[in-house]
Amino acid sequence: MSLYSSRRRTNALATTLCWTGTIFGLAWLVLILGALIYEGARGLTPAVFTEMTPPPGSSGGLLNAIAGSLVMTVIGVLLGTPLGMLAGTFMAEYGRYSKLATVVRFINDILLSAPSIVIGLFVYTVVVARVGHFSGIAGALALAVLVVPVVVRTTEDMLLLVPSPLREAAAALGLPRSHMLMRVAYRAAKSGIVTGVLLAVARVSGETAPLLFTSLNNQFWSTDLNAPVSSLPVVIFQFALSPYNDWQQLAWTGALLVTVAVLLLSITARALSSQGTQK
């Protein structure tokens, strides 16, 4: 009876500690999101989406920053996704047990955990310092480097989950390996791969450090990717540190926009993942 009582007390203590830790973490999350919504929603007006970033003391919006972020993120995803899918496909389908795949997997794990500022410094050294000026292209390249390891890991994991009998059935029908990949493996892993791409977009959409070293900033509307380009994370960083109330309000609003975008991408990724699991 004493052993049973001891186990009950241990279980009650462990359950209490788990609930306490959960409530503590959720409380901070709710507090942060509540403050962000309260402060950011006050400046959420049509001008945010139609006007450029203003000088101090003037009204304005975040149009150039939003457009710059969208352009660089899209280019970064378009550059990083094919490379990540090819590397993930090689490790899952062609060189699963080879030494090269082991080395690539190890390097990819390092890139996954590497601070984004290191990626920014790398692109600055390779591109910006050699060209002699900041540019939107350099910013997109930095984001592409961040996209690659996420897509590599997701592609490899999703392809490894495809049942081997599907591959064997395709081979029995006489399909070449490349056709088997395109028509069988990729289709079976489509939801998971798309989820990985969305998670990569969610990761890079709020990155500030790489863009500080590559695209820098531009307070005006610019479509020239060979010149400094404005981006929402950098504008939030600069405006939040400024002593001007109107800039700080725009920083809160920009942070709210980024948070909402990341939450929507995360929810979409989870929905796609659930659909893939049900299938």
C-alpha atoms as a PDB file:
ATOM      1  CA  MET A   1       0.000   0.000   0.000  1.00  0.00           C
ATOM      2  CA  SER A   2       2.890   2.337   0.773  1.00  0.00           C
ATOM      3  CA  LEU A   3       4.368   1.712  -2.696  1.00  0.00           C
ATOM      4  CA  TYR A   4       1.015   2.534  -4.309  1.00  0.00           C
ATOM      5  CA  SER A   5       0.726   5.764  -2.303  1.00  0.00           C
ATOM      6  CA  SER A   6       4.274   6.740  -3.215  1.00  0.00           C
ATOM      7  CA  ARG A   7       3.549   6.231  -6.904  1.00  0.00           C
ATOM      8  CA  ARG A   8       0.358   8.269  -6.648  1.00  0.00           C
ATOM      9  CA  ARG A   9       2.218  11.134  -4.973  1.00  0.00           C
ATOM     10  CA  THR A  10       4.963  10.987  -7.614  1.00  0.00           C
ATOM     11  CA  ASN A  11       2.385  10.959 -10.381  1.00  0.00           C
ATOM     12  CA  ALA A  12       0.497  13.889  -8.848  1.00  0.00           C
ATOM     13  CA  LEU A  13       3.743  15.865  -8.460  1.00  0.00           C
ATOM     14  CA  ALA A  14       4.810  15.158 -12.041  1.00  0.00           C
ATOM     15  CA  THR A  15       1.366  16.079 -13.388  1.00  0.00           C
ATOM     16  CA  THR A  16       1.341  19.305 -11.386  1.00  0.00           C
ATOM     17  CA  LEU A  17       4.791  20.261 -12.641  1.00  0.00           C
ATOM     18  CA  CYS A  18       3.759  19.530 -16.254  1.00  0.00           C
ATOM     19  CA  TRP A  19       0.628  21.649 -15.957  1.00  0.00           C
ATOM     20  CA  THR A  20       2.566  24.436 -14.245  1.00  0.00           C
ATOM     21  CA  GLY A  21       5.194  24.496 -16.987  1.00  0.00           C
ATOM     22  CA  THR A  22       2.527  24.457 -19.690  1.00  0.00           C
ATOM     23  CA  ILE A  23       0.525  27.279 -18.128  1.00  0.00           C
ATOM     24  CA  PHE A  24       3.694  29.311 -17.533  1.00  0.00           C
ATOM     25  CA  GLY A  25       4.768  28.994 -21.165  1.00  0.00           C
ATOM     26  CA  LEU A  26       1.292  29.687 -22.529  1.00  0.00           C
ATOM     27  CA  ALA A  27       0.908  32.704 -20.266  1.00  0.00           C
ATOM     28  CA  TRP A  28       4.021  34.339 -21.751  1.00  0.00           C
ATOM     29  CA  LEU A  29       2.845  33.493 -25.259  1.00  0.00           C
ATOM     30  CA  VAL A  30      -0.575  35.017 -24.637  1.00  0.00           C
ATOM     31  CA  LEU A  31       1.046  38.072 -23.031  1.00  0.00           C
ATOM     32  CA  ILE A  32       3.359  38.628 -25.987  1.00  0.00           C
ATOM     33  CA  LEU A  33       0.638  38.097 -28.588  1.00  0.00           C
ATOM     34  CA  GLY A  34      -1.780  40.269 -26.629  1.00  0.00           C
ATOM     35  CA  ALA A  35       0.700  43.147 -26.425  1.00  0.00           C
ATOM     36  CA  LEU A  36       1.525  42.743 -30.122  1.00  0.00           C
ATOM     37  CA  ILE A  37      -2.130  42.785 -31.157  1.00  0.00           C
ATOM     38  CA  TYR A  38      -2.966  45.704 -28.854  1.00  0.00           C
ATOM     39  CA  GLU A  39      -0.047  47.870 -29.994  1.00  0.00           C
ATOM     40  CA  GLY A  40       0.001  46.806 -33.638  1.00  0.00           C
ATOM     41  CA  ALA A  41      -3.721  47.012 -34.346  1.00  0.00           C
ATOM     42  CA  ARG A  42      -3.790  50.689 -33.358  1.00  0.00           C
ATOM     43  CA  GLY A  43      -1.697  51.581 -36.399  1.00  0.00           C
ATOM     44  CA  LEU A  44      -3.341  49.160 -38.819  1.00  0.00           C
ATOM     45  CA  THR A  45      -4.808  51.563 -41.380  1.00  0.00           C
ATOM     46  CA  PRO A  46      -5.090  51.503 -45.186  1.00  0.00           C
ATOM     47  CA  ALA A  47      -2.082  53.846 -45.317  1.00  0.00           C
ATOM     48  CA  VAL A  48       0.128  50.985 -44.083  1.00  0.00           C
ATOM     49  CA  PHE A  49      -0.472  49.148 -47.365  1.00  0.00           C
ATOM     50  CA  THR A  50      -0.557  52.163 -49.710  1.00  0.00           C
ATOM     51  CA  GLU A  51       2.169  54.594 -48.554  1.00  0.00           C
ATOM     52  CA  MET A  52       5.954  54.451 -48.310  1.00  0.00           C
ATOM     53  CA  THR A  53       7.966  54.487 -45.103  1.00  0.00           C
ATOM     54  CA  PRO A  54       7.902  58.098 -43.889  1.00  0.00           C
ATOM     55  CA  PRO A  55      10.510  60.461 -42.468  1.00  0.00           C
ATOM     56  CA  PRO A  56      10.147  61.251 -38.762  1.00  0.00           C
ATOM     57  CA  GLY A  57       7.067  63.276 -37.933  1.00  0.00           C
ATOM     58  CA  SER A  58       5.223  62.462 -41.165  1.00  0.00           C
ATOM     59  CA  SER A  59       2.455  60.035 -41.939  1.00  0.00           C
ATOM     60  CA  GLY A  60       3.256  56.993 -44.027  1.00  0.00           C
ATOM     61  CA  GLY A  61       3.072  53.255 -44.354  1.00  0.00           C
ATOM     62  CA  LEU A  62       5.055  50.119 -45.104  1.00  0.00           C
ATOM     63  CA  LEU A  63       4.273  49.513 -48.775  1.00  0.00           C
ATOM     64  CA  ASN A  64       7.870  49.502 -49.999  1.00  0.00           C
ATOM     65  CA  ALA A  65       8.971  47.288 -47.099  1.00  0.00           C
ATOM     66  CA  ILE A  66       6.157  44.780 -47.669  1.00  0.00           C
ATOM     67  CA  ALA A  67       6.836  44.650 -51.408  1.00  0.00           C
ATOM     68  CA  GLY A  68      10.580  44.250 -50.897  1.00  0.00           C
ATOM     69  CA  SER A  69      10.089  41.423 -48.425  1.00  0.00           C
ATOM     70  CA  LEU A  70       7.674  39.620 -50.753  1.00  0.00           C
ATOM     71  CA  VAL A  71      10.001  39.921 -53.755  1.00  0.00           C
ATOM     72  CA  MET A  72      13.113  38.727 -51.918  1.00  0.00           C
ATOM     73  CA  THR A  73      11.236  35.916 -50.167  1.00  0.00           C
ATOM     74  CA  VAL A  74       9.721  34.658 -53.428  1.00  0.00           C
ATOM     75  CA  ILE A  75      13.092  34.746 -55.201  1.00  0.00           C
ATOM     76  CA  GLY A  76      14.788  33.056 -52.248  1.00  0.00           C
ATOM     77  CA  VAL A  77      12.188  30.275 -52.185  1.00  0.00           C
ATOM     78  CA  LEU A  78      12.354  29.808 -55.965  1.00  0.00           C
ATOM     79  CA  LEU A  79      16.150  29.482 -55.761  1.00  0.00           C
ATOM     80  CA  GLY A  80      16.352  27.354 -52.639  1.00  0.00           C
ATOM     81  CA  THR A  81      13.455  24.941 -53.140  1.00  0.00           C
ATOM     82  CA  PRO A  82      14.697  23.114 -56.287  1.00  0.00           C
ATOM     83  CA  LEU A  83      18.200  22.755 -54.842  1.00  0.00           C
ATOM     84  CA  GLY A  84      16.838  21.460 -51.555  1.00  0.00           C
ATOM     85  CA  MET A  85      14.508  18.998 -53.278  1.00  0.00           C
ATOM     86  CA  LEU A  86      17.318  17.647 -55.454  1.00  0.00           C
ATOM     87  CA  ALA A  87      19.635  17.173 -52.476  1.00  0.00           C
ATOM     88  CA  GLY A  88      16.886  15.562 -50.404  1.00  0.00           C
ATOM     89  CA  THR A  89      15.963  13.257 -53.303  1.00  0.00           C
ATOM     90  CA  PHE A  90      19.577  12.170 -53.709  1.00  0.00           C
ATOM     91  CA  MET A  91      19.926  11.305 -50.029  1.00  0.00           C
ATOM     92  CA  ALA A  92      16.620   9.431 -49.891  1.00  0.00           C
ATOM     93  CA  GLU A  93      16.588   7.629 -53.237  1.00  0.00           C
ATOM     94  CA  TYR A  94      20.068   7.368 -54.746  1.00  0.00           C
ATOM     95  CA  GLY A  95      22.759   7.648 -52.084  1.00  0.00           C
ATOM     96  CA  ARG A  96      20.868   6.716 -48.932  1.00  0.00           C
ATOM     97  CA  TYR A  97      23.774   4.801 -47.417  1.00  0.00           C
ATOM     98  CA  SER A  98      26.677   6.406 -49.259  1.00  0.00           C
ATOM     99  CA  LYS A  99      29.434   8.416 -47.590  1.00  0.00           C
ATOM    100  CA  LEU A 100      28.550  11.465 -49.686  1.00  0.00           C
ATOM    101  CA  ALA A 101      24.975  11.410 -48.400  1.00  0.00           C
ATOM    102  CA  THR A 102      26.276  11.165 -44.829  1.00  0.00           C
ATOM    103  CA  VAL A 103      28.493  14.217 -45.369  1.00  0.00           C
ATOM    104  CA  VAL A 104      25.675  16.193 -47.015  1.00  0.00           C
ATOM    105  CA  ARG A 105      23.295  15.267 -44.217  1.00  0.00           C
ATOM    106  CA  PHE A 106      25.814  16.400 -41.610  1.00  0.00           C
ATOM    107  CA  ILE A 107      26.423  19.739 -43.362  1.00  0.00           C
ATOM    108  CA  ASN A 108      22.679  20.228 -43.761  1.00  0.00           C
ATOM    109  CA  ASP A 109      22.145  19.698 -40.030  1.00  0.00           C
ATOM    110  CA  ILE A 110      24.788  22.360 -39.345  1.00  0.00           C
ATOM    111  CA  LEU A 111      23.021  24.789 -41.678  1.00  0.00           C
ATOM    112  CA  LEU A 112      19.701  24.093 -39.965  1.00  0.00           C
ATOM    113  CA  SER A 113      21.085  25.121 -36.595  1.00  0.00           C
ATOM    114  CA  ALA A 114      23.423  27.883 -37.797  1.00  0.00           C
ATOM    115  CA  PRO A 115      22.519  31.436 -36.711  1.00  0.00           C
ATOM    116  CA  SER A 116      21.082  33.425 -39.588  1.00  0.00           C
ATOM    117  CA  ILE A 117      23.584  36.217 -38.994  1.00  0.00           C
ATOM    118  CA  VAL A 118      26.342  33.800 -40.023  1.00  0.00           C
ATOM    119  CA  ILE A 119      24.559  33.220 -43.327  1.00  0.00           C
ATOM    120  CA  GLY A 120      24.271  36.982 -43.776  1.00  0.00           C
ATOM    121  CA  LEU A 121      28.001  37.469 -43.176  1.00  0.00           C
ATOM    122  CA  PHE A 122      28.788  34.663 -45.625  1.00  0.00           C
ATOM    123  CA  VAL A 123      26.692  36.204 -48.412  1.00  0.00           C
ATOM    124  CA  TYR A 124      28.118  39.633 -47.563  1.00  0.00           C
ATOM    125  CA  THR A 125      31.661  38.304 -48.004  1.00  0.00           C
ATOM    126  CA  VAL A 126      30.917  36.334 -51.164  1.00  0.00           C
ATOM    127  CA  VAL A 127      28.557  38.748 -52.937  1.00  0.00           C
ATOM    128  CA  VAL A 128      28.274  42.219 -51.406  1.00  0.00           C
ATOM    129  CA  ALA A 129      31.972  42.777 -50.711  1.00  0.00           C
ATOM    130  CA  ARG A 130      32.936  41.623 -54.202  1.00  0.00           C
ATOM    131  CA  VAL A 131      30.274  43.634 -56.015  1.00  0.00           C
ATOM    132  CA  GLY A 132      30.841  46.676 -53.837  1.00  0.00           C
ATOM    133  CA  HIS A 133      27.259  47.518 -52.855  1.00  0.00           C
ATOM    134  CA  PHE A 134      24.192  46.113 -51.119  1.00  0.00           C
ATOM    135  CA  SER A 135      21.406  44.715 -53.272  1.00  0.00           C
ATOM    136  CA  GLY A 136      18.117  42.886 -53.256  1.00  0.00           C
ATOM    137  CA  ILE A 137      19.773  40.013 -55.123  1.00  0.00           C
ATOM    138  CA  ALA A 138      22.182  39.484 -52.239  1.00  0.00           C
ATOM    139  CA  GLY A 139      19.257  39.514 -49.813  1.00  0.00           C
ATOM    140  CA  ALA A 140      17.393  36.923 -51.867  1.00  0.00           C
ATOM    141  CA  LEU A 141      20.523  34.725 -51.983  1.00  0.00           C
ATOM    142  CA  ALA A 142      20.844  34.896 -48.198  1.00  0.00           C
ATOM    143  CA  LEU A 143      17.212  33.833 -47.806  1.00  0.00           C
ATOM    144  CA  ALA A 144      17.734  31.036 -50.346  1.00  0.00           C
ATOM    145  CA  VAL A 145      20.593  29.646 -48.254  1.00  0.00           C
ATOM    146  CA  LEU A 146      18.224  29.577 -45.273  1.00  0.00           C
ATOM    147  CA  VAL A 147      15.514  27.842 -47.291  1.00  0.00           C
ATOM    148  CA  VAL A 148      17.733  25.017 -48.584  1.00  0.00           C
ATOM    149  CA  PRO A 149      18.366  23.027 -45.355  1.00  0.00           C
ATOM    150  CA  VAL A 150      14.683  23.070 -44.361  1.00  0.00           C
ATOM    151  CA  VAL A 151      13.588  21.761 -47.765  1.00  0.00           C
ATOM    152  CA  VAL A 152      16.403  19.187 -47.831  1.00  0.00           C
ATOM    153  CA  ARG A 153      15.420  17.711 -44.483  1.00  0.00           C
ATOM    154  CA  THR A 154      11.694  17.714 -45.279  1.00  0.00           C
ATOM    155  CA  THR A 155      12.134  16.190 -48.740  1.00  0.00           C
ATOM    156  CA  GLU A 156      14.380  13.420 -47.447  1.00  0.00           C
ATOM    157  CA  ASP A 157      12.104  12.573 -44.532  1.00  0.00           C
ATOM    158  CA  MET A 158       8.943  12.560 -46.660  1.00  0.00           C
ATOM    159  CA  LEU A 159      10.467  10.379 -49.377  1.00  0.00           C
ATOM    160  CA  LEU A 160      11.719   7.923 -46.768  1.00  0.00           C
ATOM    161  CA  LEU A 161       8.120   7.589 -45.534  1.00  0.00           C
ATOM    162  CA  VAL A 162       6.903   6.471 -48.977  1.00  0.00           C
ATOM    163  CA  PRO A 163       6.328   2.683 -48.741  1.00  0.00           C
ATOM    164  CA  SER A 164       8.835   0.575 -50.659  1.00  0.00           C
ATOM    165  CA  PRO A 165       6.083  -1.551 -52.282  1.00  0.00           C
ATOM    166  CA  LEU A 166       5.024   1.535 -54.264  1.00  0.00           C
ATOM    167  CA  ARG A 167       8.526   1.800 -55.731  1.00  0.00           C
ATOM    168  CA  GLU A 168       8.618  -1.930 -56.404  1.00  0.00           C
ATOM    169  CA  ALA A 169       5.239  -1.812 -58.150  1.00  0.00           C
ATOM    170  CA  ALA A 170       6.441   1.016 -60.390  1.00  0.00           C
ATOM    171  CA  ALA A 171       9.616  -0.902 -61.215  1.00  0.00           C
ATOM    172  CA  ALA A 172       7.549  -4.021 -61.991  1.00  0.00           C
ATOM    173  CA  LEU A 173       5.597  -1.982 -64.546  1.00  0.00           C
ATOM    174  CA  GLY A 174       8.848  -1.072 -66.257  1.00  0.00           C
ATOM    175  CA  LEU A 175       8.988   2.567 -65.227  1.00  0.00           C
ATOM    176  CA  PRO A 176      12.475   4.111 -65.181  1.00  0.00           C
ATOM    177  CA  ARG A 177      13.648   5.371 -61.810  1.00  0.00           C
ATOM    178  CA  SER A 178      13.185   8.992 -62.815  1.00  0.00           C
ATOM    179  CA  HIS A 179       9.553   8.335 -63.816  1.00  0.00           C
ATOM    180  CA  MET A 180       9.000   6.418 -60.588  1.00  0.00           C
ATOM    181  CA  LEU A 181      10.196   9.444 -58.627  1.00  0.00           C
ATOM    182  CA  MET A 182       8.047  11.925 -60.523  1.00  0.00           C
ATOM    183  CA  ARG A 183       4.858   9.853 -60.794  1.00  0.00           C
ATOM    184  CA  VAL A 184       4.936   7.832 -57.576  1.00  0.00           C
ATOM    185  CA  ALA A 185       7.333   9.059 -54.882  1.00  0.00           C
ATOM    186  CA  TYR A 186       6.806  12.792 -55.336  1.00  0.00           C
ATOM    187  CA  ARG A 187       3.044  12.407 -55.558  1.00  0.00           C
ATOM    188  CA  ALA A 188       2.937  10.351 -52.378  1.00  0.00           C
ATOM    189  CA  ALA A 189       5.165  12.852 -50.544  1.00  0.00           C
ATOM    190  CA  LYS A 190       3.647  15.988 -52.082  1.00  0.00           C
ATOM    191  CA  SER A 191       1.852  17.212 -48.960  1.00  0.00           C
ATOM    192  CA  GLY A 192       4.927  16.812 -46.791  1.00  0.00           C
ATOM    193  CA  ILE A 193       7.238  18.547 -49.253  1.00  0.00           C
ATOM    194  CA  VAL A 194       4.832  21.471 -49.660  1.00  0.00           C
ATOM    195  CA  THR A 195       4.630  21.677 -45.862  1.00  0.00           C
ATOM    196  CA  GLY A 196       8.418  21.915 -45.705  1.00  0.00           C
ATOM    197  CA  VAL A 197       8.437  24.731 -48.248  1.00  0.00           C
ATOM    198  CA  LEU A 198       5.809  26.637 -46.263  1.00  0.00           C
ATOM    199  CA  LEU A 199       7.817  26.182 -43.071  1.00  0.00           C
ATOM    200  CA  ALA A 200      10.887  27.486 -44.878  1.00  0.00           C
ATOM    201  CA  VAL A 201       8.919  30.553 -46.003  1.00  0.00           C
ATOM    202  CA  ALA A 202       7.737  31.073 -42.423  1.00  0.00           C
ATOM    203  CA  ARG A 203      11.326  30.916 -41.222  1.00  0.00           C
ATOM    204  CA  VAL A 204      12.816  33.399 -43.678  1.00  0.00           C
ATOM    205  CA  SER A 205       9.898  35.857 -43.676  1.00  0.00           C
ATOM    206  CA  GLY A 206      10.942  37.298 -40.328  1.00  0.00           C
ATOM    207  CA  GLU A 207      14.725  37.167 -40.694  1.00  0.00           C
ATOM    208  CA  THR A 208      16.464  40.482 -40.054  1.00  0.00           C
ATOM    209  CA  ALA A 209      20.174  39.760 -39.600  1.00  0.00           C
ATOM    210  CA  PRO A 210      20.874  38.353 -43.099  1.00  0.00           C
ATOM    211  CA  LEU A 211      19.146  41.300 -44.774  1.00  0.00           C
ATOM    212  CA  LEU A 212      21.081  43.857 -42.722  1.00  0.00           C
ATOM    213  CA  PHE A 213      24.283  42.567 -44.327  1.00  0.00           C
ATOM    214  CA  THR A 214      22.920  42.067 -47.842  1.00  0.00           C
ATOM    215  CA  SER A 215      19.957  44.189 -48.969  1.00  0.00           C
ATOM    216  CA  LEU A 216      20.330  46.809 -46.197  1.00  0.00           C
ATOM    217  CA  ASN A 217      17.324  49.154 -46.606  1.00  0.00           C
ATOM    218  CA  ASN A 218      15.712  51.693 -48.890  1.00  0.00           C
ATOM    219  CA  GLN A 219      13.233  54.284 -47.681  1.00  0.00           C
ATOM    220  CA  PHE A 220      11.768  54.714 -51.156  1.00  0.00           C
ATOM    221  CA  TRP A 221      10.014  52.484 -53.668  1.00  0.00           C
ATOM    222  CA  SER A 222      12.573  50.549 -55.698  1.00  0.00           C
ATOM    223  CA  THR A 223      12.216  47.713 -58.197  1.00  0.00           C
ATOM    224  CA  ASP A 224      15.948  47.554 -58.930  1.00  0.00           C
ATOM    225  CA  LEU A 225      17.196  44.348 -57.316  1.00  0.00           C
ATOM    226  CA  ASN A 226      20.782  45.422 -58.014  1.00  0.00           C
ATOM    227  CA  ALA A 227      20.388  48.211 -55.441  1.00  0.00           C
ATOM    228  CA  PRO A 228      19.456  48.302 -51.739  1.00  0.00           C
ATOM    229  CA  VAL A 229      15.872  47.137 -51.211  1.00  0.00           C
ATOM    230  CA  SER A 230      13.608  47.750 -48.260  1.00  0.00           C
ATOM    231  CA  SER A 231      12.289  44.824 -46.245  1.00  0.00           C
ATOM    232  CA  LEU A 232       9.768  44.554 -43.441  1.00  0.00           C
ATOM    233  CA  PRO A 233      12.051  42.923 -40.804  1.00  0.00           C
ATOM    234  CA  VAL A 234      14.781  45.536 -41.289  1.00  0.00           C
ATOM    235  CA  VAL A 235      12.270  48.404 -41.142  1.00  0.00           C
ATOM    236  CA  ILE A 236      10.822  46.959 -37.931  1.00  0.00           C
ATOM    237  CA  PHE A 237      14.325  46.726 -36.467  1.00  0.00           C
ATOM    238  CA  GLN A 238      15.261  50.299 -37.366  1.00  0.00           C
ATOM    239  CA  PHE A 239      11.927  51.878 -36.463  1.00  0.00           C
ATOM    240  CA  ALA A 240      11.700  50.050 -33.128  1.00  0.00           C
ATOM    241  CA  LEU A 241      15.090  51.443 -32.073  1.00  0.00           C
ATOM    242  CA  SER A 242      14.216  55.002 -33.089  1.00  0.00           C
ATOM    243  CA  PRO A 243      13.088  57.675 -30.591  1.00  0.00           C
ATOM    244  CA  TYR A 244      10.100  58.698 -32.757  1.00  0.00           C
ATOM    245  CA  ASN A 245       6.635  57.570 -31.700  1.00  0.00           C
ATOM    246  CA  ASP A 246       5.268  57.374 -35.261  1.00  0.00           C
ATOM    247  CA  TRP A 247       8.120  55.089 -36.325  1.00  0.00           C
ATOM    248  CA  GLN A 248       7.660  52.926 -33.240  1.00  0.00           C
ATOM    249  CA  GLN A 249       3.958  52.576 -34.065  1.00  0.00           C
ATOM    250  CA  LEU A 250       4.818  51.429 -37.589  1.00  0.00           C
ATOM    251  CA  ALA A 251       7.278  48.946 -36.093  1.00  0.00           C
ATOM    252  CA  TRP A 252       4.491  47.451 -33.938  1.00  0.00           C
ATOM    253  CA  THR A 253       2.184  47.250 -36.947  1.00  0.00           C
ATOM    254  CA  GLY A 254       4.869  45.642 -39.099  1.00  0.00           C
ATOM    255  CA  ALA A 255       5.595  43.094 -36.376  1.00  0.00           C
ATOM    256  CA  LEU A 256       1.889  42.255 -36.241  1.00  0.00           C
ATOM    257  CA  LEU A 257       1.812  41.715 -40.021  1.00  0.00           C
ATOM    258  CA  VAL A 258       4.828  39.405 -39.909  1.00  0.00           C
ATOM    259  CA  THR A 259       3.387  37.439 -36.984  1.00  0.00           C
ATOM    260  CA  VAL A 260       0.020  36.981 -38.705  1.00  0.00           C
ATOM    261  CA  ALA A 261       1.742  35.841 -41.913  1.00  0.00           C
ATOM    262  CA  VAL A 262       3.893  33.313 -40.040  1.00  0.00           C
ATOM    263  CA  LEU A 263       0.883  31.985 -38.098  1.00  0.00           C
ATOM    264  CA  LEU A 264      -1.133  31.558 -41.298  1.00  0.00           C
ATOM    265  CA  LEU A 265       1.754  29.720 -42.968  1.00  0.00           C
ATOM    266  CA  SER A 266       2.161  27.471 -39.921  1.00  0.00           C
ATOM    267  CA  ILE A 267      -1.557  26.682 -39.826  1.00  0.00           C
ATOM    268  CA  THR A 268      -1.548  25.921 -43.558  1.00  0.00           C
ATOM    269  CA  ALA A 269       1.484  23.673 -43.146  1.00  0.00           C
ATOM    270  CA  ARG A 270      -0.174  21.798 -40.293  1.00  0.00           C
ATOM    271  CA  ALA A 271      -3.370  21.369 -42.330  1.00  0.00           C
ATOM    272  CA  LEU A 272      -1.430  19.988 -45.298  1.00  0.00           C
ATOM    273  CA  SER A 273       0.504  17.671 -43.000  1.00  0.00           C
ATOM    274  CA  SER A 274      -2.737  16.360 -41.504  1.00  0.00           C
ATOM    275  CA  GLN A 275      -4.187  15.729 -44.957  1.00  0.00           C
ATOM    276  CA  GLY A 276      -1.055  13.830 -45.962  1.00  0.00           C
ATOM    277  CA  THR A 277      -1.242  11.690 -42.821  1.00  0.00           C
ATOM    278  CA  GLN A 278      -4.917  10.847 -43.413  1.00  0.00           C
ATOM    279  CA  LYS A 279      -4.193   9.796 -46.981  1.00  0.00           C
END
